[in-house]
Amino acid sequence: MTSDSDLPSGTQPGNTQRPSETSQLDATVASGKAIPVIETPDWIGRYRVVRRIGSGGFGSVFHAKDESLNRDVAIKIPLRTLDDVNDEFQWTSEARMVAKLDHPNIVPVYDVGNSDKFPFFVVSRFIQGVDLRERFQKSKPSLEDGLAWVASIADALDHAHANGLVHRDVKPSNILIDNQNRAWLTDFGLAMSDDAPRPTRAGLLIGTYS
């Protein structure tokens, strides 16, 4: 579940954060204003926060523990500004769209919720591994791995398209490679659905247009 175009649903095992995790803004909202970073909370609803995974133009993603079900999850919190307080579509679109999908290479959404501090958050499966961009930086993948990843993501996109969804922001940072070398497609935050046209917001350029 996560993007915010650069918010993976689970990467980088361990507790060490990189500088880019709090300043990375590849998913650009070109509004001419500084984009705040959500402070790392101790709890998000019933979920105990373990660490920050990443931050970007639409909010932050955290690795957390579901204490009730005893499982790791990724929680995406979108930024809330005075311009979009009443924009229900922004808070719910990704969760609704991804909930329609059932594919072994698409990160599933588990839950949506809200709290006094956070008006909306999306809970998804936590993927233990790295995103494809970081995987490339570590070493060149084998031809077999590359072909398998391309085939998996293409099949995931075909499944999304068959369900009326177009991702619109497929790139290495939105593809996760888990510890079993399996590829996962995440971050449908910019997806467009056949069921309802996505509203636009005047004056903003949304997505990794660069």
Protein backbone atom coordinates (compact mmCIF):
# COMPACT_ATOMS: atom_id res chain seq x y z
CA MET A 1 0.00 0.00 0.00
CA THR A 2 1.83 3.27 0.36
CA SER A 3 3.23 6.61 -2.24
CA ASP A 4 3.24 9.44 -2.12
CA SER A 5 5.25 8.43 -5.10
CA ASP A 6 8.40 7.56 -3.19
CA LEU A 7 6.96 5.84 -0.15
CA PRO A 8 7.65 2.12 -0.30
CA SER A 9 5.53 -0.22 1.81
CA GLY A 10 8.54 -1.79 3.53
CA THR A 11 12.25 -1.56 2.86
CA GLN A 12 15.70 -1.53 4.41
CA PRO A 13 15.78 -3.94 7.34
CA GLY A 14 17.35 -2.49 10.50
CA ASN A 15 16.91 0.74 12.38
CA THR A 16 19.43 2.99 10.62
CA GLN A 17 17.85 5.85 8.71
CA ARG A 18 19.48 7.50 5.74
CA PRO A 19 19.32 11.27 5.18
CA SER A 20 17.19 10.71 2.09
CA GLU A 21 14.49 9.09 4.20
CA THR A 22 13.48 12.47 5.59
CA SER A 23 14.31 14.69 2.63
CA GLN A 24 13.59 12.62 -0.47
CA LEU A 25 11.05 14.42 -2.63
CA ASP A 26 11.22 12.67 -6.00
CA ALA A 27 7.41 12.63 -5.96
CA THR A 28 7.20 16.36 -6.49
CA VAL A 29 4.35 18.64 -5.55
CA ALA A 30 5.46 21.80 -7.30
CA SER A 31 3.52 24.31 -5.23
CA GLY A 32 6.42 26.60 -4.43
CA LYS A 33 6.05 25.91 -0.71
CA ALA A 34 8.28 23.98 1.66
CA ILE A 35 6.92 20.50 2.38
CA PRO A 36 6.91 19.59 6.10
CA VAL A 37 7.96 16.18 7.36
CA ILE A 38 5.67 14.32 9.77
CA GLU A 39 7.45 13.67 13.07
CA THR A 40 7.89 10.02 13.99
CA PRO A 41 5.16 9.14 16.53
CA ASP A 42 5.26 6.37 19.12
CA TRP A 43 1.82 5.09 18.11
CA ILE A 44 -0.51 5.44 15.13
CA GLY A 45 -3.90 4.30 16.33
CA ARG A 46 -3.43 0.80 17.74
CA TYR A 47 -0.15 0.35 15.86
CA ARG A 48 3.19 0.76 17.65
CA VAL A 49 5.72 2.57 15.45
CA VAL A 50 9.09 0.88 14.96
CA ARG A 51 10.80 3.37 12.63
CA ARG A 52 10.33 5.71 9.70
CA ILE A 53 10.68 4.08 6.29
CA GLY A 54 10.60 7.21 4.15
CA SER A 55 9.08 10.64 3.49
CA GLY A 56 8.01 12.50 0.39
CA GLY A 57 5.71 15.10 -1.08
CA PHE A 58 2.52 13.37 0.04
CA GLY A 59 3.50 12.31 3.55
CA SER A 60 5.44 9.60 5.36
CA VAL A 61 5.52 5.83 5.72
CA PHE A 62 6.37 4.05 8.96
CA HIS A 63 7.24 0.48 9.88
CA ALA A 64 4.90 -0.46 12.74
CA LYS A 65 3.71 -3.42 14.78
CA ASP A 66 0.09 -4.50 14.90
CA GLU A 67 -0.03 -5.52 18.53
CA SER A 68 -3.50 -7.08 18.20
CA LEU A 69 -2.56 -9.46 15.37
CA ASN A 70 1.18 -9.63 16.17
CA ARG A 71 2.40 -8.73 12.69
CA ASP A 72 4.56 -6.07 11.06
CA VAL A 73 2.83 -3.50 8.87
CA ALA A 74 3.64 -0.38 6.87
CA ILE A 75 1.55 2.71 7.61
CA LYS A 76 1.25 5.59 5.17
CA ILE A 77 0.20 8.99 6.53
CA PRO A 78 -0.59 11.70 3.96
CA LEU A 79 0.23 15.30 4.74
CA ARG A 80 -2.73 17.44 5.75
CA THR A 81 -2.71 21.05 4.63
CA LEU A 82 -5.26 23.85 4.83
CA ASP A 83 -5.89 23.45 1.10
CA ASP A 84 -7.04 19.83 1.31
CA VAL A 85 -8.61 19.33 4.74
CA ASN A 86 -11.93 18.41 3.13
CA ASP A 87 -10.45 16.46 0.22
CA GLU A 88 -11.84 13.04 1.15
CA PHE A 89 -10.73 11.65 -2.20
CA GLN A 90 -7.07 12.27 -1.39
CA TRP A 91 -7.34 10.34 1.90
CA THR A 92 -9.29 7.36 0.61
CA SER A 93 -8.57 6.88 -3.09
CA GLU A 94 -5.46 4.73 -2.83
CA ALA A 95 -6.89 2.44 -0.15
CA ARG A 96 -10.14 1.94 -2.06
CA MET A 97 -8.38 1.24 -5.33
CA VAL A 98 -5.76 -1.15 -4.00
CA ALA A 99 -8.39 -2.98 -1.95
CA LYS A 100 -9.96 -3.99 -5.28
CA LEU A 101 -6.77 -5.79 -6.30
CA ASP A 102 -5.74 -9.33 -5.41
CA HIS A 103 -2.38 -10.23 -6.95
CA PRO A 104 0.75 -11.93 -5.54
CA ASN A 105 2.96 -9.03 -6.71
CA ILE A 106 0.86 -6.09 -5.48
CA VAL A 107 1.34 -4.95 -1.89
CA PRO A 108 -2.06 -5.49 -0.21
CA VAL A 109 -3.89 -2.98 1.96
CA TYR A 110 -4.90 -4.34 5.37
CA ASP A 111 -6.74 -1.45 6.95
CA VAL A 112 -7.51 2.27 6.96
CA GLY A 113 -7.99 4.34 10.08
CA ASN A 114 -7.83 7.68 11.84
CA SER A 115 -6.87 9.07 15.21
CA ASP A 116 -6.94 12.40 17.01
CA LYS A 117 -3.45 13.17 15.69
CA PHE A 118 -3.78 11.64 12.21
CA PRO A 119 -7.03 12.22 10.29
CA PHE A 120 -6.30 9.37 7.89
CA PHE A 121 -3.77 6.57 7.45
CA VAL A 122 -3.45 3.45 5.32
CA VAL A 123 -2.09 0.17 6.71
CA SER A 124 -0.51 -2.30 4.29
CA ARG A 125 1.69 -5.37 4.31
CA PHE A 126 5.27 -4.72 5.39
CA ILE A 127 7.72 -5.96 2.75
CA GLN A 128 11.11 -6.88 4.20
CA GLY A 129 13.70 -5.92 1.61
CA VAL A 130 14.71 -2.93 -0.53
CA ASP A 131 13.24 -0.98 -3.40
CA LEU A 132 14.50 -1.67 -6.90
CA ARG A 133 16.46 1.58 -7.07
CA GLU A 134 18.50 0.63 -4.02
CA ARG A 135 18.85 -2.93 -5.31
CA PHE A 136 20.47 -1.54 -8.47
CA GLN A 137 22.84 0.52 -6.36
CA LYS A 138 24.04 -2.54 -4.46
CA SER A 139 24.85 -4.72 -7.47
CA LYS A 140 23.81 -5.46 -11.01
CA PRO A 141 21.04 -8.08 -11.00
CA SER A 142 21.37 -11.20 -13.09
CA LEU A 143 19.53 -11.47 -16.39
CA GLU A 144 17.31 -14.15 -14.87
CA ASP A 145 16.36 -11.92 -11.94
CA GLY A 146 15.69 -8.95 -14.20
CA LEU A 147 13.45 -10.95 -16.51
CA ALA A 148 11.54 -12.44 -13.58
CA TRP A 149 10.97 -9.01 -12.00
CA VAL A 150 9.81 -7.47 -15.28
CA ALA A 151 7.41 -10.36 -15.90
CA SER A 152 6.01 -10.14 -12.36
CA ILE A 153 5.43 -6.39 -12.45
CA ALA A 154 3.97 -6.57 -15.95
CA ASP A 155 1.52 -9.21 -14.74
CA ALA A 156 0.66 -7.06 -11.71
CA LEU A 157 0.00 -4.06 -13.97
CA ASP A 158 -2.13 -6.21 -16.26
CA HIS A 159 -4.19 -7.25 -13.24
CA ALA A 160 -4.60 -3.61 -12.19
CA HIS A 161 -5.61 -2.59 -15.72
CA ALA A 162 -8.12 -5.44 -15.90
CA ASN A 163 -9.68 -3.96 -12.74
CA GLY A 164 -9.84 -0.48 -14.24
CA LEU A 165 -6.76 1.02 -12.58
CA VAL A 166 -3.78 2.75 -14.18
CA HIS A 167 -0.81 3.18 -11.81
CA ARG A 168 0.71 6.30 -13.48
CA ASP A 169 3.96 6.27 -11.48
CA VAL A 170 5.80 3.00 -12.16
CA LYS A 171 9.50 3.45 -11.39
CA PRO A 172 12.25 1.62 -9.45
CA SER A 173 11.43 3.27 -6.10
CA ASN A 174 7.84 1.97 -6.35
CA ILE A 175 8.95 -1.62 -6.94
CA LEU A 176 10.08 -3.57 -3.88
CA ILE A 177 12.34 -6.63 -3.91
CA ASP A 178 11.84 -8.76 -0.82
CA ASN A 179 14.32 -11.06 0.88
CA GLN A 180 13.11 -13.96 -1.25
CA ASN A 181 13.91 -11.97 -4.43
CA ARG A 182 10.22 -11.45 -5.21
CA ALA A 183 9.09 -8.19 -6.83
CA TRP A 184 6.18 -6.18 -5.45
CA LEU A 185 4.40 -3.19 -6.98
CA THR A 186 3.45 -0.50 -4.48
CA ASP A 187 2.18 3.06 -4.22
CA PHE A 188 -1.02 3.50 -6.17
CA GLY A 189 -1.39 7.03 -4.82
CA LEU A 190 -1.49 8.57 -8.31
CA ALA A 191 -3.58 5.80 -9.88
CA MET A 192 -6.49 6.71 -12.11
CA SER A 193 -9.66 4.63 -11.96
CA ASP A 194 -12.24 3.99 -14.64
CA ASP A 195 -14.93 4.18 -11.95
CA ALA A 196 -14.41 7.84 -11.18
CA PRO A 197 -12.17 10.53 -12.69
CA ARG A 198 -9.43 11.74 -10.38
CA PRO A 199 -9.88 15.41 -9.54
CA THR A 200 -6.97 17.75 -10.24
CA ARG A 201 -5.63 20.44 -7.96
CA ALA A 202 -4.91 23.77 -9.60
CA GLY A 203 -1.33 24.98 -9.53
CA LEU A 204 0.24 21.63 -8.64
CA LEU A 205 2.39 19.26 -10.65
CA ILE A 206 1.94 15.84 -9.10
CA GLY A 207 4.17 12.86 -9.77
CA THR A 208 7.73 12.21 -10.83
CA TYR A 209 7.51 14.28 -13.98
CA SER A 210 11.30 14.66 -14.13
